[in-house]
Amino acid sequence: MERYEDFVKKASRGDSIAEIRRRNITIDLIDGGVVLEIGCAEGWMSELISKKANILFSCDIAMSYLQRAKKRGINANFARIDAHCLPFSENLFDCVVITEVLEHLIAPYRALEEIRRILKPNAILIISVPNNMNFSNLLMHLMKKYRQTGSAHINFYDVFSIQNLLKFVGFKMREITPSYISIPLPIINKFTSHDWIQNSLSKIFPYFGDAVIVKAKKVDYSIWNSI
């Protein structure tokens, strides 16, 4: 994990400290040689993933994103793919990374079934989704001023809902990490940006990060088998 000073340096180039922290946590969780990234957008994560993966396939539904990603010269295979219908054979990938995508999908359960199909036995799935149960949202609910942010979001998650969703599809949780704990008080929030403080807050408030980052393993068991 990068030091706070490095976070600030990168943040000054356009990325927020919270975004940089989310990316670094996600990259640290990646394990495996053949990796599929779903929803690569302009390739910011792809560039980082390519440094860990032997073979990287990066896909997105938006052609404009893919065109910009390809221009970055990343060592990855780019393709336009719908997450609900992945054109890959079964048991192919060691790891699938899908960050900030499930909240946009019409049928997230279907997409996760497809991901499970193409993963090798005991392979790894890494997910990042915005957490609807963060301190800012809770405060807005209490003040009756909550407004949906991000008009393209059609699904909303917290730690428990993403756990249940993965369990139903056939994944076993290995790690759950809150990405960044935002305190909705400007003076206090300014001093909680330091990495060591965020690590401590994540242990104290594991369910209230701005995003939920999950590492799960493909298993044979499905909850439907017990019904």
Protein backbone atom coordinates (compact mmCIF):
# COMPACT_ATOMS: atom_id res chain seq x y z
CA MET A 1 0.00 0.00 0.00
CA GLU A 2 1.36 3.43 -0.92
CA ARG A 3 2.21 6.03 1.69
CA TYR A 4 -0.13 8.94 2.33
CA GLU A 5 2.33 11.34 0.69
CA ASP A 6 2.20 9.30 -2.50
CA PHE A 7 -1.61 9.32 -2.39
CA VAL A 8 -1.63 13.11 -2.19
CA LYS A 9 0.86 13.42 -5.03
CA LYS A 10 -1.30 11.29 -7.33
CA ALA A 11 -4.52 12.91 -6.13
CA SER A 12 -3.17 16.27 -7.24
CA ARG A 13 -3.13 14.89 -10.79
CA GLY A 14 -6.88 14.34 -10.79
CA ASP A 15 -7.63 11.25 -8.68
CA SER A 16 -9.12 11.54 -5.23
CA ILE A 17 -7.32 9.90 -2.32
CA ALA A 18 -10.34 7.62 -1.88
CA GLU A 19 -10.13 6.48 -5.50
CA ILE A 20 -6.41 5.77 -5.29
CA ARG A 21 -6.90 3.79 -2.08
CA ARG A 22 -9.69 1.73 -3.69
CA ARG A 23 -7.50 0.90 -6.68
CA ASN A 24 -4.51 -0.08 -4.57
CA ILE A 25 -6.56 -2.34 -2.31
CA THR A 26 -8.09 -4.00 -5.38
CA ILE A 27 -4.74 -4.56 -7.08
CA ASP A 28 -3.28 -6.10 -3.91
CA LEU A 29 -6.07 -8.72 -3.95
CA ILE A 30 -5.41 -9.92 -7.51
CA ASP A 31 -4.03 -13.44 -7.73
CA GLY A 32 -3.52 -15.57 -10.83
CA GLY A 33 -1.87 -15.54 -14.24
CA VAL A 34 -4.85 -15.29 -16.62
CA VAL A 35 -7.09 -12.39 -15.63
CA LEU A 36 -10.30 -10.95 -17.05
CA GLU A 37 -11.26 -7.36 -16.25
CA ILE A 38 -14.93 -6.51 -16.84
CA GLY A 39 -15.81 -2.85 -17.26
CA CYS A 40 -12.33 -1.53 -17.97
CA ALA A 41 -13.54 1.95 -19.04
CA GLU A 42 -10.50 3.99 -20.15
CA GLY A 43 -8.02 1.44 -18.84
CA TRP A 44 -6.80 3.03 -15.61
CA MET A 45 -7.16 -0.22 -13.69
CA SER A 46 -6.04 -2.25 -16.71
CA GLU A 47 -2.64 -0.61 -16.63
CA LEU A 48 -2.16 -1.62 -12.99
CA ILE A 49 -3.56 -5.14 -13.46
CA SER A 50 -1.28 -5.77 -16.45
CA LYS A 51 1.75 -5.43 -14.18
CA LYS A 52 0.57 -8.45 -12.12
CA ALA A 53 -1.13 -10.67 -14.72
CA ASN A 54 0.63 -12.84 -17.29
CA ILE A 55 -2.32 -12.54 -19.67
CA LEU A 56 -4.98 -9.84 -19.33
CA PHE A 57 -8.29 -9.56 -21.16
CA SER A 58 -9.99 -6.20 -20.58
CA CYS A 59 -13.53 -5.60 -21.80
CA ASP A 60 -16.23 -2.96 -21.73
CA ILE A 61 -19.62 -2.42 -23.35
CA ALA A 62 -18.77 1.15 -24.42
CA MET A 63 -16.72 1.36 -27.63
CA SER A 64 -15.58 4.91 -26.90
CA TYR A 65 -14.00 3.76 -23.63
CA LEU A 66 -12.25 0.88 -25.37
CA GLN A 67 -10.82 3.16 -28.04
CA ARG A 68 -9.31 5.44 -25.42
CA ALA A 69 -8.01 2.47 -23.42
CA LYS A 70 -6.25 1.00 -26.47
CA LYS A 71 -4.42 4.29 -27.06
CA ARG A 72 -2.75 3.96 -23.66
CA GLY A 73 -0.48 1.18 -24.94
CA ILE A 74 -1.41 -1.26 -22.21
CA ASN A 75 -0.32 -4.90 -22.47
CA ALA A 76 -3.86 -6.28 -22.60
CA ASN A 77 -6.35 -7.78 -25.04
CA PHE A 78 -9.28 -5.36 -25.38
CA ALA A 79 -12.74 -6.35 -26.60
CA ARG A 80 -16.31 -5.08 -26.53
CA ILE A 81 -18.24 -7.58 -24.40
CA ASP A 82 -21.55 -7.63 -22.57
CA ALA A 83 -21.05 -8.82 -18.97
CA HIS A 84 -24.33 -10.74 -19.14
CA CYS A 85 -23.04 -13.02 -21.92
CA LEU A 86 -19.30 -13.68 -21.81
CA PRO A 87 -17.89 -15.30 -24.99
CA PHE A 88 -15.39 -17.53 -23.20
CA SER A 89 -15.23 -21.25 -22.53
CA GLU A 90 -15.71 -22.72 -19.07
CA ASN A 91 -12.91 -22.91 -16.50
CA LEU A 92 -10.63 -20.53 -18.38
CA PHE A 93 -9.60 -17.71 -16.02
CA ASP A 94 -7.63 -17.65 -12.77
CA CYS A 95 -9.13 -14.33 -11.69
CA VAL A 96 -11.94 -11.98 -12.73
CA VAL A 97 -11.92 -8.33 -11.67
CA ILE A 98 -15.15 -6.33 -11.88
CA THR A 99 -14.98 -2.92 -10.20
CA GLU A 100 -17.78 -0.35 -10.07
CA VAL A 101 -19.87 -2.31 -12.59
CA LEU A 102 -22.54 -4.41 -10.83
CA GLU A 103 -24.46 -1.29 -9.82
CA HIS A 104 -25.00 -0.52 -13.53
CA LEU A 105 -26.11 -3.97 -14.74
CA ILE A 106 -29.69 -4.93 -15.55
CA ALA A 107 -29.14 -8.50 -14.31
CA PRO A 108 -26.15 -8.68 -11.92
CA TYR A 109 -27.07 -12.23 -10.87
CA ARG A 110 -26.84 -13.36 -14.50
CA ALA A 111 -23.48 -11.62 -14.95
CA LEU A 112 -22.08 -13.33 -11.86
CA GLU A 113 -23.30 -16.70 -13.10
CA GLU A 114 -21.38 -16.10 -16.32
CA ILE A 115 -18.29 -15.09 -14.37
CA ARG A 116 -18.51 -18.23 -12.26
CA ARG A 117 -18.82 -20.36 -15.40
CA ILE A 118 -15.59 -19.05 -16.96
CA LEU A 119 -13.54 -19.20 -13.75
CA LYS A 120 -11.38 -22.22 -13.01
CA PRO A 121 -12.25 -24.31 -9.91
CA ASN A 122 -11.29 -22.40 -6.75
CA ALA A 123 -10.39 -19.35 -8.85
CA ILE A 124 -10.75 -15.80 -7.56
CA LEU A 125 -13.37 -13.10 -8.12
CA ILE A 126 -12.67 -9.52 -7.06
CA ILE A 127 -15.57 -7.05 -6.86
CA SER A 128 -15.81 -3.41 -5.91
CA VAL A 129 -19.20 -1.69 -5.56
CA PRO A 130 -20.28 1.64 -4.05
CA ASN A 131 -21.52 1.12 -0.51
CA ASN A 132 -25.01 2.49 -0.01
CA MET A 133 -24.53 2.23 3.77
CA ASN A 134 -21.77 4.78 4.29
CA PHE A 135 -21.78 7.55 6.85
CA SER A 136 -22.71 10.28 4.37
CA ASN A 137 -25.75 8.39 3.06
CA LEU A 138 -26.88 7.47 6.57
CA LEU A 139 -26.68 11.12 7.62
CA MET A 140 -28.65 12.21 4.57
CA HIS A 141 -31.33 9.61 5.37
CA LEU A 142 -31.59 10.87 8.94
CA MET A 143 -31.91 14.44 7.69
CA LYS A 144 -34.44 13.27 5.07
CA LYS A 145 -32.30 14.87 2.38
CA TYR A 146 -31.00 11.73 0.68
CA ARG A 147 -30.74 11.98 -3.10
CA GLN A 148 -29.47 9.30 -5.43
CA THR A 149 -26.06 10.18 -6.78
CA GLY A 150 -24.99 8.65 -10.06
CA SER A 151 -28.02 8.44 -12.33
CA ALA A 152 -26.66 5.30 -14.04
CA HIS A 153 -26.86 3.25 -10.83
CA ILE A 154 -29.79 0.85 -10.85
CA ASN A 155 -28.58 -1.54 -8.10
CA PHE A 156 -27.53 -0.60 -4.58
CA TYR A 157 -25.32 -2.66 -2.28
CA ASP A 158 -23.94 -2.86 1.22
CA VAL A 159 -21.70 -5.49 2.83
CA PHE A 160 -24.56 -7.86 3.61
CA SER A 161 -26.35 -7.67 0.26
CA ILE A 162 -23.19 -8.31 -1.76
CA GLN A 163 -22.35 -11.24 0.54
CA ASN A 164 -25.78 -12.78 -0.01
CA LEU A 165 -25.66 -12.23 -3.75
CA LEU A 166 -22.31 -14.02 -4.08
CA LYS A 167 -23.44 -16.86 -1.81
CA PHE A 168 -26.48 -17.52 -3.99
CA VAL A 169 -24.39 -17.63 -7.16
CA GLY A 170 -21.78 -20.02 -5.73
CA PHE A 171 -18.89 -18.02 -4.28
CA LYS A 172 -17.28 -18.22 -0.86
CA MET A 173 -16.12 -15.00 0.77
CA ARG A 174 -12.42 -14.71 1.52
CA GLU A 175 -11.92 -11.00 2.26
CA ILE A 176 -14.17 -7.95 2.61
CA THR A 177 -12.50 -4.55 2.81
CA PRO A 178 -14.03 -1.07 3.05
CA SER A 179 -12.17 1.19 0.63
CA TYR A 180 -12.34 4.55 2.37
CA ILE A 181 -14.17 5.79 5.46
CA SER A 182 -15.58 9.27 4.88
CA ILE A 183 -16.67 11.19 7.95
CA PRO A 184 -19.38 13.72 6.93
CA LEU A 185 -17.73 16.51 8.91
CA PRO A 186 -15.28 18.57 6.78
CA ILE A 187 -12.84 19.43 9.58
CA ILE A 188 -12.61 15.85 10.85
CA ASN A 189 -12.59 14.30 7.37
CA LYS A 190 -9.54 16.38 6.44
CA PHE A 191 -7.48 14.63 9.12
CA THR A 192 -8.76 11.10 8.43
CA SER A 193 -7.25 10.93 4.94
CA HIS A 194 -3.92 9.58 6.18
CA ASP A 195 -3.45 5.95 5.21
CA TRP A 196 -2.73 4.67 8.75
CA ILE A 197 -5.87 6.39 10.05
CA GLN A 198 -7.93 4.83 7.25
CA ASN A 199 -6.55 1.39 8.12
CA SER A 200 -7.64 1.89 11.73
CA LEU A 201 -11.07 3.22 10.76
CA SER A 202 -11.58 0.24 8.44
CA LYS A 203 -11.14 -2.11 11.39
CA ILE A 204 -13.48 -0.10 13.62
CA PHE A 205 -16.16 0.54 10.98
CA PRO A 206 -15.84 -2.35 8.49
CA TYR A 207 -19.36 -1.88 7.07
CA PHE A 208 -19.31 1.85 6.37
CA GLY A 209 -16.69 2.45 3.68
CA ASP A 210 -17.50 4.44 0.57
CA ALA A 211 -17.06 1.22 -1.41
CA VAL A 212 -17.10 -2.47 -0.57
CA ILE A 213 -14.20 -4.48 -1.99
CA VAL A 214 -14.65 -8.24 -1.98
CA LYS A 215 -12.36 -11.18 -2.75
CA ALA A 216 -14.31 -14.41 -3.21
CA LYS A 217 -13.52 -17.95 -4.34
CA LYS A 218 -15.52 -20.07 -6.77
CA VAL A 219 -16.91 -23.13 -4.99
CA ASP A 220 -19.04 -26.09 -6.03
CA TYR A 221 -21.63 -25.40 -3.36
CA SER A 222 -24.70 -23.35 -4.25
CA ILE A 223 -27.35 -22.31 -1.74
CA TRP A 224 -29.96 -23.76 -4.09
CA ASN A 225 -28.52 -27.23 -3.46
CA SER A 226 -29.76 -27.10 0.12
CA ILE A 227 -33.33 -26.15 -0.76
